[in-house]
């Protein structure tokens, strides 16, 4: 019976991976700044204080980005890279 459980779990994992992976691969993504929660950013920030995913310290930092479905960034309240850089540069000068 234990072997059946393991086999069922393995089969479920293979089936779900086959269903989910193509959907992610086919969807267009874009970087969206200012929407990542703390420790949920996707990579380096604009300030250059870190270069890895999961290192953001606060929610919705305008210098941190997360990949989102293309066309949804503005509806999430996020910024494009250009907008985020302008905001970051103006704050750094102040």
N, C-alpha and C. Protein backbone atom coordinates (compact mmCIF):
# COMPACT_ATOMS: atom_id res chain seq x y z
N UNK A 1 0.82 -1.19 0.00
CA UNK A 1 0.00 0.00 0.00
C UNK A 1 0.86 1.26 0.00
N UNK A 2 1.97 1.22 0.67
CA UNK A 2 2.86 2.37 0.72
C UNK A 2 3.39 2.70 -0.67
N UNK A 3 3.69 1.66 -1.47
CA UNK A 3 4.18 1.88 -2.83
C UNK A 3 3.12 2.55 -3.69
N UNK A 4 1.87 2.18 -3.49
CA UNK A 4 0.78 2.82 -4.25
C UNK A 4 0.68 4.30 -3.92
N UNK A 5 0.86 4.65 -2.67
CA UNK A 5 0.80 6.05 -2.25
C UNK A 5 1.94 6.85 -2.89
N UNK A 6 3.13 6.30 -2.87
CA UNK A 6 4.29 6.96 -3.47
C UNK A 6 4.09 7.13 -4.97
N UNK A 7 3.62 6.08 -5.62
CA UNK A 7 3.38 6.14 -7.06
C UNK A 7 2.30 7.16 -7.39
N UNK A 8 1.25 7.22 -6.61
CA UNK A 8 0.18 8.19 -6.83
C UNK A 8 0.70 9.62 -6.67
N UNK A 9 1.50 9.84 -5.64
CA UNK A 9 2.05 11.17 -5.42
C UNK A 9 2.98 11.58 -6.55
N UNK A 10 3.80 10.65 -7.02
CA UNK A 10 4.72 10.94 -8.13
C UNK A 10 3.94 11.25 -9.40
N UNK A 11 2.92 10.48 -9.68
CA UNK A 11 2.10 10.71 -10.86
C UNK A 11 1.39 12.06 -10.78
N UNK A 12 0.87 12.40 -9.63
CA UNK A 12 0.21 13.69 -9.45
C UNK A 12 1.18 14.83 -9.68
N UNK A 13 2.41 14.70 -9.22
CA UNK A 13 3.42 15.74 -9.41
C UNK A 13 3.75 15.91 -10.89
N UNK A 14 3.90 14.80 -11.60
CA UNK A 14 4.21 14.86 -13.03
C UNK A 14 3.06 15.50 -13.81
N UNK A 15 1.86 15.11 -13.51
CA UNK A 15 0.69 15.65 -14.20
C UNK A 15 0.54 17.14 -13.94
N UNK A 16 0.67 17.55 -12.68
CA UNK A 16 0.50 18.97 -12.36
C UNK A 16 1.62 19.81 -12.96
N UNK A 17 2.84 19.29 -13.01
CA UNK A 17 3.95 20.02 -13.62
C UNK A 17 3.70 20.20 -15.11
N UNK A 18 3.15 19.20 -15.75
CA UNK A 18 2.86 19.29 -17.17
C UNK A 18 1.76 20.29 -17.48
N UNK A 19 0.87 20.50 -16.55
CA UNK A 19 -0.22 21.45 -16.75
C UNK A 19 0.23 22.87 -16.44
N UNK A 20 1.00 23.04 -15.40
CA UNK A 20 1.40 24.38 -14.96
C UNK A 20 2.53 24.96 -15.78
N UNK A 21 3.55 24.21 -16.09
CA UNK A 21 4.73 24.72 -16.78
C UNK A 21 4.40 25.38 -18.13
N UNK A 22 3.59 24.76 -19.00
CA UNK A 22 3.29 25.42 -20.26
C UNK A 22 2.56 26.75 -20.09
N UNK A 23 1.72 26.86 -19.10
CA UNK A 23 1.01 28.12 -18.88
C UNK A 23 1.99 29.22 -18.49
N UNK A 24 2.97 28.90 -17.65
CA UNK A 24 3.95 29.89 -17.25
C UNK A 24 4.86 30.24 -18.41
N UNK A 25 5.26 29.27 -19.19
CA UNK A 25 6.18 29.49 -20.29
C UNK A 25 5.53 30.33 -21.38
N UNK A 26 4.24 30.15 -21.61
CA UNK A 26 3.57 30.85 -22.69
C UNK A 26 3.17 32.27 -22.34
N UNK A 27 3.04 32.59 -21.05
CA UNK A 27 2.60 33.91 -20.64
C UNK A 27 3.71 34.93 -20.72
N UNK A 28 3.41 36.10 -21.21
CA UNK A 28 4.38 37.19 -21.28
C UNK A 28 4.46 37.83 -19.90
N UNK A 29 5.67 38.11 -19.47
CA UNK A 29 5.89 38.72 -18.16
C UNK A 29 6.61 40.04 -18.32
N UNK A 30 6.49 40.89 -17.31
CA UNK A 30 7.23 42.14 -17.29
C UNK A 30 7.64 42.46 -15.85
N UNK A 31 8.72 43.22 -15.72
CA UNK A 31 9.16 43.66 -14.41
C UNK A 31 8.22 44.76 -13.93
N UNK A 32 7.78 44.63 -12.69
CA UNK A 32 6.88 45.62 -12.10
C UNK A 32 7.50 46.06 -10.77
N UNK A 33 7.84 47.33 -10.69
CA UNK A 33 8.49 47.88 -9.50
C UNK A 33 7.45 48.39 -8.51
N UNK A 34 7.74 48.16 -7.23
CA UNK A 34 6.90 48.69 -6.17
C UNK A 34 5.74 47.80 -5.75
N UNK A 35 5.71 46.56 -6.22
CA UNK A 35 4.61 45.67 -5.84
C UNK A 35 5.06 44.45 -5.05
N UNK A 36 6.36 44.26 -4.92
CA UNK A 36 6.86 43.08 -4.22
C UNK A 36 6.72 43.25 -2.71
N UNK A 37 6.28 42.22 -2.06
CA UNK A 37 6.23 42.19 -0.59
C UNK A 37 7.64 41.94 -0.06
N UNK A 38 7.87 42.23 1.20
CA UNK A 38 9.18 42.00 1.81
C UNK A 38 9.61 40.55 1.58
N UNK A 39 10.84 40.38 1.16
CA UNK A 39 11.45 39.08 0.90
C UNK A 39 10.82 38.33 -0.28
N UNK A 40 10.06 39.02 -1.14
CA UNK A 40 9.45 38.36 -2.29
C UNK A 40 9.81 39.03 -3.60
N UNK A 41 10.88 39.84 -3.62
CA UNK A 41 11.34 40.45 -4.86
C UNK A 41 11.98 39.38 -5.74
N UNK A 42 12.07 39.66 -7.04
CA UNK A 42 12.60 38.65 -7.95
C UNK A 42 14.10 38.77 -8.22
N UNK A 43 14.72 39.90 -8.01
CA UNK A 43 16.17 39.99 -8.21
C UNK A 43 16.68 41.32 -7.67
N UNK A 44 17.81 41.80 -8.20
CA UNK A 44 18.49 42.99 -7.70
C UNK A 44 17.58 44.22 -7.68
N UNK A 45 17.86 45.13 -6.74
CA UNK A 45 17.06 46.35 -6.66
C UNK A 45 17.77 47.51 -7.36
N UNK A 46 17.07 48.62 -7.52
CA UNK A 46 17.64 49.78 -8.19
C UNK A 46 18.77 50.42 -7.39
N UNK A 47 18.70 50.36 -6.08
CA UNK A 47 19.71 50.99 -5.23
C UNK A 47 21.04 50.25 -5.29
N UNK A 48 21.03 49.00 -5.70
CA UNK A 48 22.25 48.22 -5.76
C UNK A 48 22.70 47.70 -4.40
N UNK A 49 21.79 47.66 -3.43
CA UNK A 49 22.16 47.19 -2.10
C UNK A 49 22.10 45.68 -1.97
N UNK A 50 21.51 45.01 -2.96
CA UNK A 50 21.53 43.55 -3.02
C UNK A 50 21.35 43.12 -4.46
N UNK A 51 21.70 41.88 -4.75
CA UNK A 51 21.60 41.39 -6.13
C UNK A 51 20.85 40.08 -6.24
N UNK A 52 20.09 39.74 -5.22
CA UNK A 52 19.41 38.44 -5.24
C UNK A 52 17.93 38.56 -4.92
N UNK A 53 17.20 37.55 -5.34
CA UNK A 53 15.77 37.46 -5.03
C UNK A 53 15.57 37.21 -3.54
N UNK A 54 14.47 37.70 -3.04
CA UNK A 54 14.10 37.45 -1.65
C UNK A 54 14.83 38.29 -0.63
N UNK A 55 15.49 39.37 -1.06
CA UNK A 55 16.25 40.18 -0.11
C UNK A 55 15.64 41.54 0.17
N UNK A 56 14.47 41.83 -0.35
CA UNK A 56 13.83 43.11 -0.05
C UNK A 56 13.43 43.14 1.43
N UNK A 57 13.47 44.32 2.01
CA UNK A 57 13.24 44.46 3.44
C UNK A 57 11.84 44.95 3.81
N UNK A 58 11.19 45.67 2.88
CA UNK A 58 9.86 46.22 3.17
C UNK A 58 8.90 45.93 2.03
N UNK A 59 7.63 45.97 2.31
CA UNK A 59 6.60 45.79 1.29
C UNK A 59 6.57 47.00 0.35
N UNK A 60 6.36 46.73 -0.92
CA UNK A 60 6.11 47.75 -1.94
C UNK A 60 7.20 48.80 -2.09
N UNK A 61 8.45 48.42 -1.86
CA UNK A 61 9.59 49.31 -2.08
C UNK A 61 9.64 49.63 -3.57
N UNK A 62 9.69 50.89 -3.92
CA UNK A 62 9.67 51.31 -5.34
C UNK A 62 10.92 50.88 -6.10
N UNK A 63 11.97 50.50 -5.40
CA UNK A 63 13.19 50.04 -6.05
C UNK A 63 13.25 48.54 -6.24
N UNK A 64 12.28 47.82 -5.73
CA UNK A 64 12.23 46.36 -5.84
C UNK A 64 11.22 45.96 -6.91
N UNK A 65 11.50 44.86 -7.61
CA UNK A 65 10.58 44.43 -8.66
C UNK A 65 10.21 42.97 -8.54
N UNK A 66 9.11 42.67 -9.22
CA UNK A 66 8.58 41.30 -9.28
C UNK A 66 8.04 41.11 -10.70
N UNK A 67 8.19 39.92 -11.25
CA UNK A 67 7.62 39.63 -12.56
C UNK A 67 6.12 39.44 -12.43
N UNK A 68 5.38 40.11 -13.30
CA UNK A 68 3.92 39.99 -13.33
C UNK A 68 3.49 39.77 -14.77
N UNK A 69 2.27 39.35 -14.95
CA UNK A 69 1.72 39.19 -16.30
C UNK A 69 1.78 40.52 -17.03
N UNK A 70 2.23 40.49 -18.27
CA UNK A 70 2.35 41.71 -19.07
C UNK A 70 1.01 42.44 -19.13
N UNK A 71 1.06 43.74 -18.89
CA UNK A 71 -0.15 44.56 -18.94
C UNK A 71 -0.86 44.72 -17.61
N UNK A 72 -0.38 44.06 -16.55
CA UNK A 72 -1.06 44.14 -15.26
C UNK A 72 -0.35 45.03 -14.25
N UNK A 73 0.84 45.49 -14.55
CA UNK A 73 1.63 46.24 -13.57
C UNK A 73 0.91 47.50 -13.08
N UNK A 74 0.41 48.29 -13.99
CA UNK A 74 -0.24 49.54 -13.57
C UNK A 74 -1.52 49.27 -12.77
N UNK A 75 -2.23 48.21 -13.09
CA UNK A 75 -3.44 47.90 -12.33
C UNK A 75 -3.11 47.43 -10.91
N UNK A 76 -1.88 46.93 -10.72
CA UNK A 76 -1.43 46.51 -9.40
C UNK A 76 -0.87 47.69 -8.59
N UNK A 77 -0.78 48.86 -9.24
CA UNK A 77 -0.22 50.03 -8.58
C UNK A 77 1.29 50.12 -8.71
N UNK A 78 1.86 49.36 -9.65
CA UNK A 78 3.30 49.32 -9.84
C UNK A 78 3.80 50.32 -10.85
N UNK A 79 5.11 50.31 -11.02
CA UNK A 79 5.80 51.24 -11.91
C UNK A 79 6.64 50.48 -12.92
N UNK A 80 6.85 51.09 -14.08
CA UNK A 80 7.80 50.54 -15.04
C UNK A 80 9.20 50.84 -14.52
N UNK A 81 10.21 50.24 -15.13
CA UNK A 81 11.59 50.50 -14.70
C UNK A 81 11.93 51.97 -14.85
N UNK A 82 11.50 52.58 -15.96
CA UNK A 82 11.78 54.00 -16.20
C UNK A 82 11.15 54.86 -15.11
N UNK A 83 9.89 54.59 -14.79
CA UNK A 83 9.20 55.37 -13.75
C UNK A 83 9.86 55.18 -12.38
N UNK A 84 10.25 53.95 -12.08
CA UNK A 84 10.89 53.67 -10.79
C UNK A 84 12.24 54.35 -10.70
N UNK A 85 13.01 54.36 -11.80
CA UNK A 85 14.32 55.03 -11.79
C UNK A 85 14.15 56.53 -11.59
N UNK A 86 13.18 57.13 -12.26
CA UNK A 86 12.94 58.56 -12.10
C UNK A 86 12.58 58.89 -10.65
N UNK A 87 11.73 58.09 -10.06
CA UNK A 87 11.33 58.28 -8.67
C UNK A 87 12.53 58.09 -7.74
N UNK A 88 13.32 57.06 -7.99
CA UNK A 88 14.49 56.77 -7.17
C UNK A 88 15.52 57.90 -7.29
N UNK A 89 15.77 58.36 -8.51
CA UNK A 89 16.75 59.44 -8.72
C UNK A 89 16.31 60.75 -8.09
N UNK A 90 15.02 61.06 -8.17
CA UNK A 90 14.54 62.31 -7.56
C UNK A 90 14.61 62.23 -6.05
N UNK A 91 14.37 61.07 -5.48
CA UNK A 91 14.46 60.90 -4.02
C UNK A 91 15.92 60.96 -3.55
N UNK A 92 16.85 60.46 -4.37
CA UNK A 92 18.26 60.47 -4.00
C UNK A 92 18.83 61.87 -4.02
N UNK A 93 18.30 62.74 -4.88
CA UNK A 93 18.77 64.13 -4.96
C UNK A 93 18.25 64.98 -3.82
N UNK A 94 17.14 64.59 -3.25
CA UNK A 94 16.50 65.40 -2.19
C UNK A 94 17.23 65.32 -0.88
